[in-house]
Amino acid sequence: MIQAEVQSVLKSGLGLDMSIGDIEVTAYSDTSAICRLTFTYHPAPNSELAGKDWTFTNVYGYRAESTGVAAGWEFVLRDHEVNAMQKATGKRWAD
C-alpha cells in the first residue's frame, strides 16, 4: 500500500518533501503510548501546487518490547492526512 502511494505521488509530480513539526507522546502504560506527529507537505517546486503547503497530524500507537512482544508501531490513524491532501489537491494518495 505505501509503495503504491509513493509511486502515485511521484507520478503526479507532487514530490515527497515533508517536514515534521509538533510531536506529542502520551504514555498509557509502561509499554504503550499514543504519538501524534504533525507534518507539513511541501509540493515539488515544479508542480502545479508549488508553494501551497498543507499540514496534517497522524496518530500512531506504539508498543515497547515486553515479555514475548517485540517493540513496534501497532497502528496509524491517517484520516487527517487523507482529508488534508484531498482538500489541498482534490485527489487522494492512490488517485
Protein backbone atom coordinates (compact mmCIF):
# COMPACT_ATOMS: atom_id res chain seq x y z
CA MET A 1 0.00 0.00 0.00
CA ILE A 2 2.70 2.52 0.95
CA GLN A 3 4.71 1.68 -2.16
CA ALA A 4 1.64 2.30 -4.34
CA GLU A 5 1.05 5.66 -2.62
CA VAL A 6 4.66 6.75 -3.10
CA GLN A 7 4.61 5.75 -6.76
CA SER A 8 1.31 7.59 -7.25
CA VAL A 9 2.65 10.79 -5.70
CA LEU A 10 5.87 10.62 -7.70
CA LYS A 11 3.87 10.05 -10.90
CA SER A 12 1.65 13.03 -10.07
CA GLY A 13 4.67 15.34 -9.83
CA LEU A 14 3.87 16.45 -6.26
CA GLY A 15 7.18 15.15 -4.89
CA LEU A 16 7.79 13.63 -1.46
CA ASP A 17 9.04 16.56 0.62
CA MET A 18 7.56 16.58 4.14
CA SER A 19 8.79 18.08 7.38
CA ILE A 20 7.85 17.12 10.93
CA GLY A 21 6.57 19.81 13.27
CA ASP A 22 4.93 19.11 16.61
CA ILE A 23 5.38 15.74 18.29
CA GLU A 24 3.22 14.76 21.25
CA VAL A 25 3.65 11.46 23.11
CA THR A 26 1.17 10.25 25.73
CA ALA A 27 2.12 7.13 27.70
CA TYR A 28 -0.78 4.83 28.50
CA SER A 29 1.17 2.13 30.33
CA ASP A 30 4.75 1.06 30.91
CA THR A 31 4.80 -0.43 27.41
CA SER A 32 2.43 1.62 25.24
CA ALA A 33 1.97 5.17 24.04
CA ILE A 34 -0.05 7.24 21.61
CA CYS A 35 2.07 9.53 19.43
CA ARG A 36 0.75 12.49 17.46
CA LEU A 37 3.06 13.78 14.75
CA THR A 38 2.26 16.89 12.75
CA PHE A 39 3.69 17.03 9.23
CA THR A 40 3.80 19.74 6.60
CA TYR A 41 3.75 18.58 2.98
CA HIS A 42 5.73 20.73 0.57
CA PRO A 43 4.73 20.12 -3.08
CA ALA A 44 7.61 19.96 -5.55
CA PRO A 45 8.77 23.37 -6.84
CA ASN A 46 7.80 22.45 -10.41
CA SER A 47 4.36 21.02 -9.53
CA GLU A 48 1.02 22.76 -10.09
CA LEU A 49 0.75 23.12 -6.27
CA ALA A 50 4.21 24.62 -5.69
CA GLY A 51 4.17 26.89 -2.65
CA LYS A 52 0.77 25.60 -1.46
CA ASP A 53 1.91 23.56 1.55
CA TRP A 54 -0.58 21.75 3.76
CA THR A 55 -0.36 20.38 7.28
CA PHE A 56 -1.82 17.27 8.87
CA THR A 57 -1.49 15.23 12.06
CA ASN A 58 -1.25 11.44 12.15
CA VAL A 59 -1.87 9.40 15.30
CA TYR A 60 0.34 6.36 15.92
CA GLY A 61 0.13 3.62 18.52
CA TYR A 62 3.47 2.33 19.81
CA ARG A 63 4.22 -0.68 21.98
CA ALA A 64 7.60 -1.12 23.70
CA GLU A 65 9.24 -4.50 23.90
CA SER A 66 7.92 -6.68 26.71
CA THR A 67 7.88 -10.37 27.50
CA GLY A 68 7.08 -12.18 24.27
CA VAL A 69 6.21 -8.98 22.37
CA ALA A 70 8.55 -7.11 20.04
CA ALA A 71 8.60 -3.32 20.06
CA GLY A 72 6.92 -1.57 17.18
CA TRP A 73 4.17 0.58 15.74
CA GLU A 74 0.80 -1.10 16.16
CA PHE A 75 -1.44 1.26 14.20
CA VAL A 76 -1.73 4.61 12.49
CA LEU A 77 -4.78 6.82 12.02
CA ARG A 78 -4.38 8.82 8.82
CA ASP A 79 -7.80 10.42 8.39
CA HIS A 80 -6.43 13.93 8.78
CA GLU A 81 -3.66 13.22 6.25
CA VAL A 82 -6.06 11.86 3.65
CA ASN A 83 -8.58 14.66 4.15
CA ALA A 84 -5.92 17.42 4.13
CA MET A 85 -4.42 16.14 0.88
CA GLN A 86 -7.82 15.82 -0.75
CA LYS A 87 -8.75 19.36 0.31
CA ALA A 88 -5.42 20.76 -0.95
CA THR A 89 -5.23 18.85 -4.23
CA GLY A 90 -8.68 17.43 -4.99
CA LYS A 91 -7.03 13.97 -5.02
CA ARG A 92 -6.26 11.13 -2.65
CA TRP A 93 -2.88 9.38 -2.46
CA ALA A 94 -3.99 6.46 -4.61
CA ASP A 95 -5.76 8.54 -7.30
